[in-house]
Amino acid sequence: MKLSIKVKARAKQENVKETGDNSLEVWVRELAQKGQANQAVIKAIAKHLKITQNKVKILRGQTSSCKVVAIDSAISWLNGFC
């Protein structure tokens, strides 16, 4: 399963908000430098979906605030996201 993500780095609080089918807004406290925010995004999405971090992978948007993230499809149906 693929998700479209809009990331807001350097937020005061970490948060994940579902904005539609297969799209999320993610707020992270880390800076958008040296992959810090990307790792925080993976962690936040995994926590929100109640899956392990190794099931989440950024496909596109490594250096952008708009990202496409893949979720391991073997577990996504368990959480009702397919």
PDB file of N, CA and C in Angstrom:
ATOM      1  N   MET A   1       0.842  -1.167   0.000  1.00  0.00           N
ATOM      2  CA  MET A   1       0.000   0.000   0.000  1.00  0.00           C
ATOM      3  C   MET A   1       0.892   1.237   0.000  1.00  0.00           C
ATOM      4  N   LYS A   2       0.475   2.256  -0.734  1.00  0.00           N
ATOM      5  CA  LYS A   2       1.214   3.510  -0.786  1.00  0.00           C
ATOM      6  C   LYS A   2       0.396   4.619  -0.144  1.00  0.00           C
ATOM      7  N   LEU A   3       1.092   5.497   0.565  1.00  0.00           N
ATOM      8  CA  LEU A   3       0.468   6.651   1.199  1.00  0.00           C
ATOM      9  C   LEU A   3       1.147   7.920   0.714  1.00  0.00           C
ATOM     10  N   SER A   4       0.356   8.969   0.500  1.00  0.00           N
ATOM     11  CA  SER A   4       0.903  10.295   0.220  1.00  0.00           C
ATOM     12  C   SER A   4       1.015  11.019   1.548  1.00  0.00           C
ATOM     13  N   ILE A   5       2.183  11.589   1.804  1.00  0.00           N
ATOM     14  CA  ILE A   5       2.468  12.205   3.090  1.00  0.00           C
ATOM     15  C   ILE A   5       2.873  13.657   2.884  1.00  0.00           C
ATOM     16  N   LYS A   6       2.329  14.534   3.698  1.00  0.00           N
ATOM     17  CA  LYS A   6       2.770  15.928   3.768  1.00  0.00           C
ATOM     18  C   LYS A   6       3.449  16.089   5.120  1.00  0.00           C
ATOM     19  N   VAL A   7       4.720  16.463   5.124  1.00  0.00           N
ATOM     20  CA  VAL A   7       5.514  16.523   6.352  1.00  0.00           C
ATOM     21  C   VAL A   7       5.743  17.970   6.766  1.00  0.00           C
ATOM     22  N   LYS A   8       5.598  18.213   8.047  1.00  0.00           N
ATOM     23  CA  LYS A   8       5.930  19.513   8.637  1.00  0.00           C
ATOM     24  C   LYS A   8       7.027  19.271   9.667  1.00  0.00           C
ATOM     25  N   ALA A   9       8.248  19.640   9.315  1.00  0.00           N
ATOM     26  CA  ALA A   9       9.388  19.463  10.217  1.00  0.00           C
ATOM     27  C   ALA A   9       9.445  20.622  11.213  1.00  0.00           C
ATOM     28  N   ARG A  10      10.188  20.413  12.296  1.00  0.00           N
ATOM     29  CA  ARG A  10      10.368  21.407  13.363  1.00  0.00           C
ATOM     30  C   ARG A  10       9.045  21.836  13.995  1.00  0.00           C
ATOM     31  N   ALA A  11       8.127  20.922  14.114  1.00  0.00           N
ATOM     32  CA  ALA A  11       6.845  21.210  14.758  1.00  0.00           C
ATOM     33  C   ALA A  11       7.017  21.221  16.271  1.00  0.00           C
ATOM     34  N   LYS A  12       6.121  21.884  16.958  1.00  0.00           N
ATOM     35  CA  LYS A  12       6.184  21.914  18.422  1.00  0.00           C
ATOM     36  C   LYS A  12       5.798  20.570  19.010  1.00  0.00           C
ATOM     37  N   GLN A  13       4.858  19.877  18.372  1.00  0.00           N
ATOM     38  CA  GLN A  13       4.417  18.562  18.831  1.00  0.00           C
ATOM     39  C   GLN A  13       4.405  17.598  17.662  1.00  0.00           C
ATOM     40  N   GLU A  14       4.670  16.326  17.966  1.00  0.00           N
ATOM     41  CA  GLU A  14       4.561  15.306  16.929  1.00  0.00           C
ATOM     42  C   GLU A  14       3.107  14.885  16.817  1.00  0.00           C
ATOM     43  N   ASN A  15       2.645  14.706  15.587  1.00  0.00           N
ATOM     44  CA  ASN A  15       1.246  14.353  15.360  1.00  0.00           C
ATOM     45  C   ASN A  15       1.110  13.711  13.982  1.00  0.00           C
ATOM     46  N   VAL A  16       0.107  12.867  13.825  1.00  0.00           N
ATOM     47  CA  VAL A  16      -0.235  12.275  12.532  1.00  0.00           C
ATOM     48  C   VAL A  16      -1.732  12.452  12.348  1.00  0.00           C
ATOM     49  N   LYS A  17      -2.122  13.003  11.194  1.00  0.00           N
ATOM     50  CA  LYS A  17      -3.535  13.254  10.906  1.00  0.00           C
ATOM     51  C   LYS A  17      -3.871  12.648   9.548  1.00  0.00           C
ATOM     52  N   GLU A  18      -4.924  11.857   9.516  1.00  0.00           N
ATOM     53  CA  GLU A  18      -5.396  11.301   8.252  1.00  0.00           C
ATOM     54  C   GLU A  18      -6.191  12.379   7.531  1.00  0.00           C
ATOM     55  N   THR A  19      -5.793  12.688   6.295  1.00  0.00           N
ATOM     56  CA  THR A  19      -6.436  13.757   5.540  1.00  0.00           C
ATOM     57  C   THR A  19      -7.282  13.237   4.384  1.00  0.00           C
ATOM     58  N   GLY A  20      -7.370  11.954   4.245  1.00  0.00           N
ATOM     59  CA  GLY A  20      -8.156  11.357   3.175  1.00  0.00           C
ATOM     60  C   GLY A  20      -7.731   9.922   2.972  1.00  0.00           C
ATOM     61  N   ASP A  21      -8.288   9.308   1.939  1.00  0.00           N
ATOM     62  CA  ASP A  21      -7.887   7.941   1.621  1.00  0.00           C
ATOM     63  C   ASP A  21      -6.426   7.934   1.203  1.00  0.00           C
ATOM     64  N   ASN A  22      -5.637   7.156   1.897  1.00  0.00           N
ATOM     65  CA  ASN A  22      -4.215   6.979   1.589  1.00  0.00           C
ATOM     66  C   ASN A  22      -3.405   8.271   1.641  1.00  0.00           C
ATOM     67  N   SER A  23      -3.797   9.201   2.488  1.00  0.00           N
ATOM     68  CA  SER A  23      -2.988  10.412   2.655  1.00  0.00           C
ATOM     69  C   SER A  23      -2.968  10.834   4.122  1.00  0.00           C
ATOM     70  N   LEU A  24      -1.796  11.319   4.527  1.00  0.00           N
ATOM     71  CA  LEU A  24      -1.579  11.729   5.916  1.00  0.00           C
ATOM     72  C   LEU A  24      -0.820  13.044   5.956  1.00  0.00           C
ATOM     73  N   GLU A  25      -1.003  13.779   7.051  1.00  0.00           N
ATOM     74  CA  GLU A  25      -0.135  14.893   7.400  1.00  0.00           C
ATOM     75  C   GLU A  25       0.621  14.464   8.636  1.00  0.00           C
ATOM     76  N   VAL A  26       1.932  14.680   8.627  1.00  0.00           N
ATOM     77  CA  VAL A  26       2.774  14.245   9.734  1.00  0.00           C
ATOM     78  C   VAL A  26       3.589  15.437  10.225  1.00  0.00           C
ATOM     79  N   TRP A  27       3.506  15.715  11.511  1.00  0.00           N
ATOM     80  CA  TRP A  27       4.303  16.748  12.149  1.00  0.00           C
ATOM     81  C   TRP A  27       5.385  16.067  12.975  1.00  0.00           C
ATOM     82  N   VAL A  28       6.637  16.482  12.767  1.00  0.00           N
ATOM     83  CA  VAL A  28       7.759  15.921  13.528  1.00  0.00           C
ATOM     84  C   VAL A  28       8.597  17.066  14.090  1.00  0.00           C
ATOM     85  N   ARG A  29       9.262  16.802  15.197  1.00  0.00           N
ATOM     86  CA  ARG A  29      10.057  17.827  15.871  1.00  0.00           C
ATOM     87  C   ARG A  29      11.451  17.971  15.275  1.00  0.00           C
ATOM     88  N   GLU A  30      11.950  16.958  14.597  1.00  0.00           N
ATOM     89  CA  GLU A  30      13.313  16.953  14.090  1.00  0.00           C
ATOM     90  C   GLU A  30      13.482  17.931  12.927  1.00  0.00           C
ATOM     91  N   LEU A  31      14.725  18.330  12.720  1.00  0.00           N
ATOM     92  CA  LEU A  31      15.078  19.190  11.605  1.00  0.00           C
ATOM     93  C   LEU A  31      15.074  18.392  10.308  1.00  0.00           C
ATOM     94  N   ALA A  32      14.849  19.082   9.216  1.00  0.00           N
ATOM     95  CA  ALA A  32      14.891  18.442   7.900  1.00  0.00           C
ATOM     96  C   ALA A  32      16.329  18.457   7.382  1.00  0.00           C
ATOM     97  N   GLN A  33      17.231  17.865   8.151  1.00  0.00           N
ATOM     98  CA  GLN A  33      18.649  17.803   7.783  1.00  0.00           C
ATOM     99  C   GLN A  33      19.171  16.400   8.019  1.00  0.00           C
ATOM    100  N   LYS A  34      19.990  15.935   7.091  1.00  0.00           N
ATOM    101  CA  LYS A  34      20.688  14.651   7.222  1.00  0.00           C
ATOM    102  C   LYS A  34      19.746  13.485   7.527  1.00  0.00           C
ATOM    103  N   GLY A  35      18.534  13.536   6.997  1.00  0.00           N
ATOM    104  CA  GLY A  35      17.595  12.422   7.157  1.00  0.00           C
ATOM    105  C   GLY A  35      16.940  12.324   8.524  1.00  0.00           C
ATOM    106  N   GLN A  36      17.167  13.300   9.396  1.00  0.00           N
ATOM    107  CA  GLN A  36      16.578  13.248  10.730  1.00  0.00           C
ATOM    108  C   GLN A  36      15.055  13.272  10.679  1.00  0.00           C
ATOM    109  N   ALA A  37      14.498  14.164   9.878  1.00  0.00           N
ATOM    110  CA  ALA A  37      13.037  14.260   9.778  1.00  0.00           C
ATOM    111  C   ALA A  37      12.458  13.020   9.102  1.00  0.00           C
ATOM    112  N   ASN A  38      13.154  12.487   8.105  1.00  0.00           N
ATOM    113  CA  ASN A  38      12.658  11.281   7.429  1.00  0.00           C
ATOM    114  C   ASN A  38      12.546  10.110   8.400  1.00  0.00           C
ATOM    115  N   GLN A  39      13.548   9.943   9.229  1.00  0.00           N
ATOM    116  CA  GLN A  39      13.511   8.851  10.213  1.00  0.00           C
ATOM    117  C   GLN A  39      12.386   9.077  11.211  1.00  0.00           C
ATOM    118  N   ALA A  40      12.167  10.323  11.599  1.00  0.00           N
ATOM    119  CA  ALA A  40      11.085  10.644  12.521  1.00  0.00           C
ATOM    120  C   ALA A  40       9.717  10.395  11.878  1.00  0.00           C
ATOM    121  N   VAL A  41       9.608  10.659  10.576  1.00  0.00           N
ATOM    122  CA  VAL A  41       8.359  10.410   9.842  1.00  0.00           C
ATOM    123  C   VAL A  41       8.063   8.908   9.835  1.00  0.00           C
ATOM    124  N   ILE A  42       9.073   8.101   9.550  1.00  0.00           N
ATOM    125  CA  ILE A  42       8.890   6.647   9.546  1.00  0.00           C
ATOM    126  C   ILE A  42       8.430   6.172  10.919  1.00  0.00           C
ATOM    127  N   LYS A  43       9.069   6.682  11.952  1.00  0.00           N
ATOM    128  CA  LYS A  43       8.711   6.301  13.318  1.00  0.00           C
ATOM    129  C   LYS A  43       7.280   6.718  13.655  1.00  0.00           C
ATOM    130  N   ALA A  44       6.889   7.937  13.276  1.00  0.00           N
ATOM    131  CA  ALA A  44       5.545   8.439  13.576  1.00  0.00           C
ATOM    132  C   ALA A  44       4.466   7.653  12.832  1.00  0.00           C
ATOM    133  N   ILE A  45       4.724   7.341  11.568  1.00  0.00           N
ATOM    134  CA  ILE A  45       3.744   6.572  10.782  1.00  0.00           C
ATOM    135  C   ILE A  45       3.603   5.168  11.350  1.00  0.00           C
ATOM    136  N   ALA A  46       4.718   4.544  11.675  1.00  0.00           N
ATOM    137  CA  ALA A  46       4.681   3.192  12.242  1.00  0.00           C
ATOM    138  C   ALA A  46       3.900   3.180  13.555  1.00  0.00           C
ATOM    139  N   LYS A  47       4.127   4.167  14.384  1.00  0.00           N
ATOM    140  CA  LYS A  47       3.401   4.253  15.659  1.00  0.00           C
ATOM    141  C   LYS A  47       1.914   4.464  15.423  1.00  0.00           C
ATOM    142  N   HIS A  48       1.580   5.339  14.470  1.00  0.00           N
ATOM    143  CA  HIS A  48       0.172   5.627  14.159  1.00  0.00           C
ATOM    144  C   HIS A  48      -0.560   4.391  13.630  1.00  0.00           C
ATOM    145  N   LEU A  49       0.116   3.625  12.774  1.00  0.00           N
ATOM    146  CA  LEU A  49      -0.499   2.434  12.179  1.00  0.00           C
ATOM    147  C   LEU A  49      -0.319   1.185  13.042  1.00  0.00           C
ATOM    148  N   LYS A  50       0.425   1.331  14.139  1.00  0.00           N
ATOM    149  CA  LYS A  50       0.686   0.217  15.051  1.00  0.00           C
ATOM    150  C   LYS A  50       1.401  -0.935  14.348  1.00  0.00           C
ATOM    151  N   ILE A  51       2.469  -0.575  13.624  1.00  0.00           N
ATOM    152  CA  ILE A  51       3.307  -1.556  12.943  1.00  0.00           C
ATOM    153  C   ILE A  51       4.766  -1.252  13.286  1.00  0.00           C
ATOM    154  N   THR A  52       5.673  -2.140  12.903  1.00  0.00           N
ATOM    155  CA  THR A  52       7.084  -1.887  13.154  1.00  0.00           C
ATOM    156  C   THR A  52       7.649  -0.943  12.093  1.00  0.00           C
ATOM    157  N   GLN A  53       8.712  -0.256  12.448  1.00  0.00           N
ATOM    158  CA  GLN A  53       9.304   0.725  11.545  1.00  0.00           C
ATOM    159  C   GLN A  53       9.848   0.110  10.264  1.00  0.00           C
ATOM    160  N   ASN A  54      10.278  -1.144  10.323  1.00  0.00           N
ATOM    161  CA  ASN A  54      10.835  -1.763   9.118  1.00  0.00           C
ATOM    162  C   ASN A  54       9.770  -2.087   8.070  1.00  0.00           C
ATOM    163  N   LYS A  55       8.495  -1.886   8.393  1.00  0.00           N
ATOM    164  CA  LYS A  55       7.402  -2.080   7.432  1.00  0.00           C
ATOM    165  C   LYS A  55       7.103  -0.802   6.653  1.00  0.00           C
ATOM    166  N   VAL A  56       7.766   0.314   6.997  1.00  0.00           N
ATOM    167  CA  VAL A  56       7.527   1.610   6.373  1.00  0.00           C
ATOM    168  C   VAL A  56       8.774   2.016   5.594  1.00  0.00           C
ATOM    169  N   LYS A  57       8.586   2.434   4.332  1.00  0.00           N
ATOM    170  CA  LYS A  57       9.715   2.828   3.497  1.00  0.00           C
ATOM    171  C   LYS A  57       9.320   4.047   2.668  1.00  0.00           C
ATOM    172  N   ILE A  58      10.202   5.047   2.638  1.00  0.00           N
ATOM    173  CA  ILE A  58       9.965   6.225   1.807  1.00  0.00           C
ATOM    174  C   ILE A  58      10.378   5.896   0.380  1.00  0.00           C
ATOM    175  N   LEU A  59       9.423   5.983  -0.547  1.00  0.00           N
ATOM    176  CA  LEU A  59       9.692   5.681  -1.948  1.00  0.00           C
ATOM    177  C   LEU A  59      10.156   6.911  -2.711  1.00  0.00           C
ATOM    178  N   ARG A  60       9.463   8.034  -2.490  1.00  0.00           N
ATOM    179  CA  ARG A  60       9.797   9.284  -3.178  1.00  0.00           C
ATOM    180  C   ARG A  60       9.727  10.431  -2.190  1.00  0.00           C
ATOM    181  N   GLY A  61      10.507  11.467  -2.456  1.00  0.00           N
ATOM    182  CA  GLY A  61      10.458  12.664  -1.645  1.00  0.00           C
ATOM    183  C   GLY A  61      11.452  12.688  -0.506  1.00  0.00           C
ATOM    184  N   GLN A  62      12.599  12.071  -0.680  1.00  0.00           N
ATOM    185  CA  GLN A  62      13.618  12.055   0.375  1.00  0.00           C
ATOM    186  C   GLN A  62      14.001  13.464   0.819  1.00  0.00           C
ATOM    187  N   THR A  63      14.008  14.412  -0.107  1.00  0.00           N
ATOM    188  CA  THR A  63      14.402  15.782   0.224  1.00  0.00           C
ATOM    189  C   THR A  63      13.246  16.768   0.105  1.00  0.00           C
ATOM    190  N   SER A  64      12.033  16.263   0.078  1.00  0.00           N
ATOM    191  CA  SER A  64      10.851  17.105  -0.084  1.00  0.00           C
ATOM    192  C   SER A  64       9.910  16.931   1.100  1.00  0.00           C
ATOM    193  N   SER A  65       9.039  17.901   1.295  1.00  0.00           N
ATOM    194  CA  SER A  65       8.039  17.764   2.356  1.00  0.00           C
ATOM    195  C   SER A  65       6.856  16.909   1.894  1.00  0.00           C
ATOM    196  N   CYS A  66       6.749  16.686   0.595  1.00  0.00           N
ATOM    197  CA  CYS A  66       5.716  15.795   0.052  1.00  0.00           C
ATOM    198  C   CYS A  66       6.384  14.463  -0.274  1.00  0.00           C
ATOM    199  N   LYS A  67       5.895  13.404   0.330  1.00  0.00           N
ATOM    200  CA  LYS A  67       6.523  12.093   0.196  1.00  0.00           C
ATOM    201  C   LYS A  67       5.507  11.036  -0.204  1.00  0.00           C
ATOM    202  N   VAL A  68       6.008   9.965  -0.787  1.00  0.00           N
ATOM    203  CA  VAL A  68       5.221   8.763  -1.039  1.00  0.00           C
ATOM    204  C   VAL A  68       5.874   7.664  -0.220  1.00  0.00           C
ATOM    205  N   VAL A  69       5.075   7.033   0.619  1.00  0.00           N
ATOM    206  CA  VAL A  69       5.573   6.029   1.547  1.00  0.00           C
ATOM    207  C   VAL A  69       4.888   4.702   1.251  1.00  0.00           C
ATOM    208  N   ALA A  70       5.659   3.632   1.277  1.00  0.00           N
ATOM    209  CA  ALA A  70       5.113   2.290   1.079  1.00  0.00           C
ATOM    210  C   ALA A  70       4.975   1.613   2.433  1.00  0.00           C
ATOM    211  N   ILE A  71       3.851   0.944   2.614  1.00  0.00           N
ATOM    212  CA  ILE A  71       3.594   0.148   3.809  1.00  0.00           C
ATOM    213  C   ILE A  71       3.558  -1.304   3.366  1.00  0.00           C
ATOM    214  N   ASP A  72       4.251  -2.171   4.069  1.00  0.00           N
ATOM    215  CA  ASP A  72       4.275  -3.596   3.733  1.00  0.00           C
ATOM    216  C   ASP A  72       2.839  -4.111   3.674  1.00  0.00           C
ATOM    217  N   SER A  73       2.422  -4.573   2.521  1.00  0.00           N
ATOM    218  CA  SER A  73       1.030  -4.978   2.305  1.00  0.00           C
ATOM    219  C   SER A  73       0.646  -6.235   3.083  1.00  0.00           C
ATOM    220  N   ALA A  74       1.615  -6.997   3.512  1.00  0.00           N
ATOM    221  CA  ALA A  74       1.305  -8.226   4.253  1.00  0.00           C
ATOM    222  C   ALA A  74       0.630  -7.921   5.583  1.00  0.00           C
ATOM    223  N   ILE A  75       0.894  -6.753   6.154  1.00  0.00           N
ATOM    224  CA  ILE A  75       0.293  -6.424   7.445  1.00  0.00           C
ATOM    225  C   ILE A  75      -0.748  -5.317   7.345  1.00  0.00           C
ATOM    226  N   SER A  76      -0.773  -4.558   6.239  1.00  0.00           N
ATOM    227  CA  SER A  76      -1.671  -3.417   6.165  1.00  0.00           C
ATOM    228  C   SER A  76      -3.150  -3.823   6.216  1.00  0.00           C
ATOM    229  N   TRP A  77      -3.505  -4.988   5.694  1.00  0.00           N
ATOM    230  CA  TRP A  77      -4.902  -5.400   5.722  1.00  0.00           C
ATOM    231  C   TRP A  77      -5.351  -5.722   7.147  1.00  0.00           C
ATOM    232  N   LEU A  78      -4.414  -6.048   8.021  1.00  0.00           N
ATOM    233  CA  LEU A  78      -4.769  -6.331   9.409  1.00  0.00           C
ATOM    234  C   LEU A  78      -5.285  -5.091  10.123  1.00  0.00           C
ATOM    235  N   ASN A  79      -4.800  -3.927   9.700  1.00  0.00           N
ATOM    236  CA  ASN A  79      -5.185  -2.678  10.347  1.00  0.00           C
ATOM    237  C   ASN A  79      -6.316  -1.968   9.612  1.00  0.00           C
ATOM    238  N   GLY A  80      -6.864  -2.570   8.562  1.00  0.00           N
ATOM    239  CA  GLY A  80      -7.993  -1.994   7.856  1.00  0.00           C
ATOM    240  C   GLY A  80      -7.654  -0.819   6.969  1.00  0.00           C
ATOM    241  N   PHE A  81      -6.441  -0.759   6.439  1.00  0.00           N
ATOM    242  CA  PHE A  81      -6.051   0.355   5.589  1.00  0.00           C
ATOM    243  C   PHE A  81      -6.020  -0.009   4.113  1.00  0.00           C
ATOM    244  N   CYS A  82      -6.466  -1.173   3.716  1.00  0.00           N
ATOM    245  CA  CYS A  82      -6.505  -1.544   2.290  1.00  0.00           C
ATOM    246  C   CYS A  82      -7.927  -1.529   1.795  1.00  0.00           C
TER     247      CYS A  82
END
